[in-house]
């Protein structure tokens, strides 16, 4: 079977390698990656054996980036352009017409819906207006927090993996915490819900869910970071709330919705939406839904309705290595993905230890061709 050329954007992101490895599992795609130059170390994705061509570019503005995408798309004959991060999706939304003259794009929401969804404060206001259950939330700087039930969480309105979230137990603690924040317009204050963490990963088009999985968070290393272990299992109540939210937003594209099920009432409440691919994409794939593949197929007009076909207990490779447990049955891991494509992790370790990039592999002007 001849492969379809696909250009994956946001190669500088942690999530891009997960997307590339998921695409590689179906052997349908010839994968090219474009990354922006950042102040961080060079992306370790360039060392993946699944990447046919990697290019890292320095761009002064969005129009320069658009020209670089056009150059690469034309040269490699890409049929699909796939953004990975929220910034990448937002770029594609703003330049949708120009990009669609180059290649197909996956479904994407309107810019207004997208900005509402990825901002925790704006999303809370939206859900309040549409009757979607969520913890009571106040925007930073509102000056009125007496009505909130403590403890509460102070959250950045835009960030991921739990960065910047602080739990406070009283109004006095809240006042002290807010005084330390540089810009109150960039935070919100949300009632803490004692209970279990659930997620709904999905692909939607025009407010209708095409593919989905639901998962229960089991263990994580940080108080608010992503989970190292999850149980992917069908939860109709979680899917029902996600369906209501997706319909209200008329959402198109991938998303991961975080929810908390109240330990006392059993009610599920929406915490936030990540309008991008997510850390547990491999868990969804092992449960039967390869979101990277179905999203790319959807860009080509091949609408594949998909749902989980098996329940699994998934553990990320690093956690599995820290506390070895025999894999098999319902216990799965992405250790196989790392062991079959080890050079990105090797490069990352060497960089971290030596604080310089090892000279491995052919490179020329930021381009790698396999």
Protein backbone atom coordinates (compact mmCIF):
# COMPACT_ATOMS: atom_id res chain seq x y z
CA UNK A 1 0.00 0.00 0.00
CA UNK A 2 1.41 3.39 -1.00
CA UNK A 3 1.71 5.78 1.90
CA UNK A 4 0.13 9.20 2.20
CA UNK A 5 2.44 12.10 2.98
CA UNK A 6 1.44 14.04 6.10
CA UNK A 7 3.04 17.14 7.58
CA UNK A 8 2.92 17.24 11.39
CA UNK A 9 3.30 20.74 12.81
CA UNK A 10 4.54 21.74 16.29
CA UNK A 11 7.50 19.37 16.24
CA UNK A 12 8.99 21.36 19.12
CA UNK A 13 6.19 20.11 21.40
CA UNK A 14 6.32 17.23 23.87
CA UNK A 15 3.09 15.86 22.34
CA UNK A 16 4.32 15.72 18.73
CA UNK A 17 6.37 12.54 19.23
CA UNK A 18 3.33 10.77 20.69
CA UNK A 19 1.30 11.76 17.63
CA UNK A 20 4.05 10.61 15.26
CA UNK A 21 4.35 7.23 16.99
CA UNK A 22 0.57 6.77 16.85
CA UNK A 23 0.47 7.61 13.14
CA UNK A 24 3.30 5.15 12.51
CA UNK A 25 1.34 2.22 13.93
CA UNK A 26 -1.06 2.01 10.99
CA UNK A 27 1.62 2.27 8.24
CA UNK A 28 -0.70 4.49 6.26
CA UNK A 29 1.36 7.67 6.53
CA UNK A 30 4.76 8.94 5.41
CA UNK A 31 5.48 11.39 8.20
CA UNK A 32 7.20 14.76 7.86
CA UNK A 33 7.66 17.09 10.83
CA UNK A 34 8.06 20.86 10.98
CA UNK A 35 9.25 22.51 14.18
CA UNK A 36 9.81 26.10 15.23
CA UNK A 37 13.12 27.18 16.69
CA UNK A 38 12.80 27.85 20.41
CA UNK A 39 15.10 28.74 23.29
CA UNK A 40 14.88 25.14 24.48
CA UNK A 41 17.04 22.25 23.28
CA UNK A 42 16.45 20.96 19.76
CA UNK A 43 13.39 18.73 19.61
CA UNK A 44 14.21 15.07 20.20
CA UNK A 45 11.51 14.06 17.69
CA UNK A 46 14.04 14.50 14.87
CA UNK A 47 15.71 11.26 15.96
CA UNK A 48 12.56 9.16 15.59
CA UNK A 49 12.85 6.39 13.02
CA UNK A 50 9.24 7.14 12.02
CA UNK A 51 10.10 10.63 10.73
CA UNK A 52 10.94 10.72 7.01
CA UNK A 53 11.93 14.37 7.09
CA UNK A 54 12.41 16.83 9.93
CA UNK A 55 12.83 20.55 9.49
CA UNK A 56 13.27 23.19 12.16
CA UNK A 57 12.78 26.81 11.15
CA UNK A 58 13.17 30.22 12.71
CA UNK A 59 10.22 32.44 11.81
CA UNK A 60 9.69 36.09 12.66
CA UNK A 61 5.89 36.06 12.38
CA UNK A 62 2.90 33.96 11.32
CA UNK A 63 3.18 34.91 7.66
CA UNK A 64 6.79 33.73 7.55
CA UNK A 65 5.70 30.47 9.19
CA UNK A 66 2.93 30.12 6.62
CA UNK A 67 5.50 30.45 3.82
CA UNK A 68 7.68 27.76 5.42
CA UNK A 69 4.71 25.39 5.64
CA UNK A 70 3.95 26.04 1.99
CA UNK A 71 7.55 25.26 0.99
CA UNK A 72 7.64 21.98 2.89
CA UNK A 73 4.15 20.91 1.85
CA UNK A 74 4.94 21.51 -1.81
CA UNK A 75 8.33 19.78 -1.67
CA UNK A 76 7.18 16.59 0.08
CA UNK A 77 3.73 16.45 -1.51
CA UNK A 78 1.87 16.42 1.79
CA UNK A 79 -1.83 15.68 1.51
CA UNK A 80 -2.62 16.49 5.16
CA UNK A 81 -1.40 19.19 7.55
CA UNK A 82 -1.85 18.14 11.19
CA UNK A 83 -1.41 20.62 14.08
CA UNK A 84 -0.60 19.16 17.48
CA UNK A 85 -0.71 21.97 20.06
CA UNK A 86 -3.32 24.59 20.93
CA UNK A 87 -1.11 27.30 19.43
CA UNK A 88 -0.81 25.18 16.31
CA UNK A 89 -4.57 24.70 16.03
CA UNK A 90 -5.17 28.41 16.58
CA UNK A 91 -2.67 29.22 13.82
CA UNK A 92 -4.47 26.83 11.46
CA UNK A 93 -7.85 28.34 12.33
CA UNK A 94 -6.60 31.85 11.57
CA UNK A 95 -5.01 30.78 8.27
CA UNK A 96 -7.42 28.04 7.30
CA UNK A 97 -8.16 29.21 3.77
CA UNK A 98 -4.50 29.63 2.86
CA UNK A 99 -3.54 26.27 4.35
CA UNK A 100 -6.38 24.40 2.64
CA UNK A 101 -4.97 25.54 -0.70
CA UNK A 102 -1.84 23.57 0.22
CA UNK A 103 -3.31 20.39 1.78
CA UNK A 104 -6.26 19.06 3.77
CA UNK A 105 -6.79 20.11 7.37
CA UNK A 106 -8.58 18.18 10.13
CA UNK A 107 -11.87 19.55 11.48
CA UNK A 108 -11.41 22.72 13.53
CA UNK A 109 -13.80 24.86 15.57
CA UNK A 110 -14.45 28.53 15.07
CA UNK A 111 -11.84 30.82 16.58
CA UNK A 112 -14.41 32.12 19.09
CA UNK A 113 -15.34 28.61 20.25
CA UNK A 114 -11.69 27.59 20.46
CA UNK A 115 -10.66 30.61 22.53
CA UNK A 116 -13.63 30.06 24.85
CA UNK A 117 -12.81 26.38 25.35
CA UNK A 118 -9.10 26.67 26.13
CA UNK A 119 -9.53 29.52 28.63
CA UNK A 120 -10.64 28.04 31.97
CA UNK A 121 -12.34 31.25 33.05
CA UNK A 122 -14.21 31.81 29.79
CA UNK A 123 -15.19 28.14 29.65
CA UNK A 124 -16.69 28.32 33.16
CA UNK A 125 -18.80 31.30 32.14
CA UNK A 126 -19.90 29.48 28.98
CA UNK A 127 -20.87 26.33 30.89
CA UNK A 128 -22.82 28.37 33.43
CA UNK A 129 -24.85 29.81 30.57
CA UNK A 130 -25.54 26.40 29.05
CA UNK A 131 -26.35 24.42 32.20
CA UNK A 132 -23.29 22.18 32.02
CA UNK A 133 -22.13 21.04 35.48
CA UNK A 134 -18.82 22.50 36.60
CA UNK A 135 -17.24 23.73 39.85
CA UNK A 136 -18.19 27.27 40.84
CA UNK A 137 -15.55 29.52 39.31
CA UNK A 138 -14.70 33.21 39.69
CA UNK A 139 -12.42 35.19 37.44
CA UNK A 140 -9.29 36.61 39.01
CA UNK A 141 -9.68 40.22 40.05
CA UNK A 142 -13.43 39.91 40.58
CA UNK A 143 -12.90 40.94 44.21
CA UNK A 144 -15.76 38.81 45.52
CA UNK A 145 -14.86 35.34 46.73
CA UNK A 146 -16.89 35.06 49.96
CA UNK A 147 -19.54 32.93 48.26
CA UNK A 148 -17.04 30.23 47.32
CA UNK A 149 -16.76 27.06 49.36
CA UNK A 150 -13.21 26.39 50.52
CA UNK A 151 -10.79 24.88 49.71
CA UNK A 152 -10.40 26.48 46.29
CA UNK A 153 -7.85 26.28 43.48
CA UNK A 154 -6.12 29.27 41.96
CA UNK A 155 -5.50 28.37 38.32
CA UNK A 156 -3.86 30.02 35.33
CA UNK A 157 -6.55 30.48 32.72
CA UNK A 158 -4.15 29.18 30.07
CA UNK A 159 -1.58 26.51 30.96
CA UNK A 160 -1.27 22.73 31.05
CA UNK A 161 -0.03 19.80 33.15
CA UNK A 162 -1.06 21.47 36.40
CA UNK A 163 1.49 24.26 36.16
CA UNK A 164 0.70 27.25 38.36
CA UNK A 165 -2.22 25.64 40.22
CA UNK A 166 -2.29 26.32 43.97
CA UNK A 167 -4.79 24.95 46.49
CA UNK A 168 -5.76 27.31 49.34
CA UNK A 169 -7.84 26.55 52.41
CA UNK A 170 -9.26 29.93 53.47
CA UNK A 171 -10.18 33.40 52.31
CA UNK A 172 -7.07 34.79 53.99
CA UNK A 173 -4.84 32.30 52.15
CA UNK A 174 -6.60 33.14 48.91
CA UNK A 175 -5.99 36.84 49.40
CA UNK A 176 -2.30 36.18 50.07
CA UNK A 177 -1.98 33.94 47.02
CA UNK A 178 -3.69 36.43 44.71
CA UNK A 179 -1.42 39.19 45.95
CA UNK A 180 1.54 37.15 44.70
CA UNK A 181 0.13 36.83 41.20
CA UNK A 182 1.41 39.37 38.71
CA UNK A 183 -1.76 39.63 36.63
CA UNK A 184 -5.09 38.62 38.15
CA UNK A 185 -6.73 38.72 34.73
CA UNK A 186 -4.70 35.63 33.84
CA UNK A 187 -6.05 33.45 36.69
CA UNK A 188 -9.37 32.11 37.90
CA UNK A 189 -10.49 30.79 41.29
CA UNK A 190 -12.38 27.49 41.31
CA UNK A 191 -13.97 25.47 44.09
CA UNK A 192 -12.08 22.26 44.79
CA UNK A 193 -14.15 19.12 44.21
CA UNK A 194 -13.15 16.14 46.33
CA UNK A 195 -13.49 13.06 44.19
CA UNK A 196 -12.11 11.03 41.28
CA UNK A 197 -10.60 12.36 38.07
CA UNK A 198 -12.05 11.36 34.73
CA UNK A 199 -11.29 12.36 31.18
CA UNK A 200 -13.03 12.13 27.84
CA UNK A 201 -10.79 12.12 24.76
CA UNK A 202 -12.62 12.81 21.52
CA UNK A 203 -12.73 13.84 17.90
CA UNK A 204 -15.78 15.84 16.84
CA UNK A 205 -17.15 17.60 13.81
CA UNK A 206 -19.76 20.37 13.94
CA UNK A 207 -20.71 19.49 17.50
CA UNK A 208 -21.06 15.73 16.94
CA UNK A 209 -18.59 13.25 18.46
CA UNK A 210 -17.05 10.89 15.89
CA UNK A 211 -14.55 9.05 18.10
CA UNK A 212 -14.12 8.88 21.86
CA UNK A 213 -12.68 7.16 24.89
CA UNK A 214 -13.26 7.78 28.59
CA UNK A 215 -10.71 7.13 31.31
CA UNK A 216 -10.30 7.17 35.08
CA UNK A 217 -7.11 8.68 36.46
CA UNK A 218 -5.33 6.30 38.84
CA UNK A 219 -1.95 7.76 39.78
CA UNK A 220 0.18 10.79 39.01
CA UNK A 221 3.50 12.15 40.24
CA UNK A 222 2.40 15.74 40.90
CA UNK A 223 -0.67 17.05 42.68
CA UNK A 224 -2.17 18.40 39.43
CA UNK A 225 0.02 16.91 36.68
CA UNK A 226 -1.14 14.43 34.04
CA UNK A 227 -1.71 10.85 35.16
CA UNK A 228 1.01 8.20 34.88
CA UNK A 229 -1.64 5.49 35.16
CA UNK A 230 -5.19 5.48 33.80
CA UNK A 231 -7.98 2.98 33.37
CA UNK A 232 -9.57 3.35 29.94
CA UNK A 233 -13.14 2.18 30.38
CA UNK A 234 -16.55 3.15 29.09
CA UNK A 235 -18.41 5.66 31.25
CA UNK A 236 -21.71 6.73 29.72
CA UNK A 237 -22.28 9.54 32.27
CA UNK A 238 -18.89 11.06 31.39
CA UNK A 239 -19.53 10.71 27.67
CA UNK A 240 -22.99 12.23 28.06
CA UNK A 241 -21.63 15.40 29.69
CA UNK A 242 -18.86 15.62 27.08
CA UNK A 243 -21.48 15.27 24.34
CA UNK A 244 -23.49 18.15 25.79
CA UNK A 245 -20.44 20.40 25.98
CA UNK A 246 -19.22 19.52 22.48
CA UNK A 247 -22.70 20.20 21.09
CA UNK A 248 -22.99 23.55 22.90
CA UNK A 249 -19.60 24.67 21.56
CA UNK A 250 -20.28 23.20 18.11
CA UNK A 251 -16.80 21.80 18.51
CA UNK A 252 -14.77 20.40 15.64
CA UNK A 253 -11.43 18.66 16.05
CA UNK A 254 -9.71 16.76 18.83
CA UNK A 255 -10.07 17.62 22.51
CA UNK A 256 -9.51 16.11 25.92
CA UNK A 257 -12.04 17.11 28.58
CA UNK A 258 -11.01 16.85 32.24
CA UNK A 259 -13.79 16.15 34.76
CA UNK A 260 -14.04 15.44 38.46
CA UNK A 261 -16.72 13.12 39.91
CA UNK A 262 -17.82 14.41 43.31
CA UNK A 263 -17.12 11.83 46.02
CA UNK A 264 -20.26 12.83 47.94
CA UNK A 265 -22.87 13.41 45.24
CA UNK A 266 -21.52 11.26 42.40
CA UNK A 267 -22.03 14.20 40.02
CA UNK A 268 -19.46 14.70 37.25
CA UNK A 269 -18.31 18.27 36.68
CA UNK A 270 -16.22 19.63 33.84
CA UNK A 271 -12.93 21.23 34.89
CA UNK A 272 -11.32 22.21 31.59
CA UNK A 273 -10.75 21.39 27.93
CA UNK A 274 -7.43 20.77 26.23
CA UNK A 275 -8.03 21.67 22.60
CA UNK A 276 -5.14 19.55 21.33
CA UNK A 277 -3.68 16.07 21.44
CA UNK A 278 -2.95 14.86 24.97
CA UNK A 279 -0.48 12.86 27.05
CA UNK A 280 -2.52 9.63 27.16
CA UNK A 281 -3.12 9.35 23.40
CA UNK A 282 -1.29 5.98 23.45
CA UNK A 283 -3.70 4.66 26.08
CA UNK A 284 -6.64 5.51 23.81
CA UNK A 285 -4.88 3.79 20.92
CA UNK A 286 -4.33 0.60 22.89
CA UNK A 287 -8.01 0.66 23.84
CA UNK A 288 -8.93 0.71 20.16
CA UNK A 289 -9.05 4.37 19.08
CA UNK A 290 -6.01 5.82 17.31
CA UNK A 291 -6.93 9.50 17.46
CA UNK A 292 -3.96 10.66 15.38
CA UNK A 293 -4.94 8.32 12.55
CA UNK A 294 -8.69 8.93 12.60
CA UNK A 295 -8.12 12.71 12.77
CA UNK A 296 -5.83 12.61 9.74
CA UNK A 297 -8.30 10.38 7.90
CA UNK A 298 -11.09 12.79 8.76
CA UNK A 299 -9.09 15.57 7.11
CA UNK A 300 -9.28 13.56 3.87
CA UNK A 301 -13.04 13.17 4.22
CA UNK A 302 -12.91 9.61 5.50
CA UNK A 303 -15.22 9.91 8.49
CA UNK A 304 -14.62 6.94 10.76
CA UNK A 305 -16.89 6.68 13.77
CA UNK A 306 -14.87 4.95 16.46
CA UNK A 307 -15.26 3.99 20.10
CA UNK A 308 -13.20 1.95 22.58
CA UNK A 309 -13.24 -1.78 21.91
CA UNK A 310 -11.52 -2.94 25.08
CA UNK A 311 -10.93 -1.84 28.67
CA UNK A 312 -7.29 -1.44 29.60
CA UNK A 313 -5.14 -0.40 32.56
CA UNK A 314 -2.43 1.81 31.06
CA UNK A 315 0.85 2.84 32.67
CA UNK A 316 3.37 5.23 31.13
CA UNK A 317 6.80 3.72 30.48
CA UNK A 318 8.69 5.76 33.07
CA UNK A 319 6.31 4.70 35.82
CA UNK A 320 6.41 1.09 34.65
CA UNK A 321 10.21 1.10 34.79
CA UNK A 322 10.21 2.56 38.31
CA UNK A 323 8.00 -0.22 39.63
CA UNK A 324 8.20 -3.18 37.30
CA UNK A 325 4.98 -5.15 36.83
CA UNK A 326 4.43 -7.91 34.26
CA UNK A 327 2.49 -6.61 31.28
CA UNK A 328 -0.33 -8.63 29.82
CA UNK A 329 -4.06 -9.04 30.09
CA UNK A 330 -5.52 -5.58 30.60
CA UNK A 331 -2.24 -4.02 31.81
CA UNK A 332 -0.62 -2.14 28.93
CA UNK A 333 2.21 0.38 28.54
CA UNK A 334 3.95 2.47 25.90
CA UNK A 335 7.27 0.85 26.75
CA UNK A 336 7.07 -1.07 23.47
CA UNK A 337 6.77 2.23 21.59
CA UNK A 338 9.92 3.58 23.24
CA UNK A 339 11.92 0.38 22.85
CA UNK A 340 11.16 0.19 19.13
CA UNK A 341 11.99 3.89 18.61
CA UNK A 342 14.63 4.58 21.28
CA UNK A 343 16.78 7.36 19.83
CA UNK A 344 14.58 10.33 20.87
CA UNK A 345 14.86 9.26 24.51
CA UNK A 346 18.59 8.53 24.18
CA UNK A 347 19.17 11.94 22.66
CA UNK A 348 17.14 13.59 25.40
CA UNK A 349 19.13 11.85 28.13
CA UNK A 350 22.47 12.73 26.54
CA UNK A 351 21.45 16.34 26.10
CA UNK A 352 20.35 16.61 29.69
CA UNK A 353 23.55 15.06 31.02
CA UNK A 354 26.03 16.84 28.76
CA UNK A 355 24.03 20.02 28.08
CA UNK A 356 24.95 19.77 24.43
CA UNK A 357 23.60 17.95 21.41
CA UNK A 358 25.44 14.76 20.49
CA UNK A 359 26.61 14.50 16.89
CA UNK A 360 24.57 11.52 15.78
CA UNK A 361 22.96 11.14 12.40
CA UNK A 362 23.12 13.12 9.15
CA UNK A 363 22.03 16.75 9.36
CA UNK A 364 22.16 19.53 6.84
CA UNK A 365 20.75 23.03 7.38
CA UNK A 366 18.20 21.80 9.88
CA UNK A 367 16.88 19.07 7.57
CA UNK A 368 17.06 15.35 8.22
CA UNK A 369 16.11 12.88 5.52
CA UNK A 370 15.83 9.13 6.09
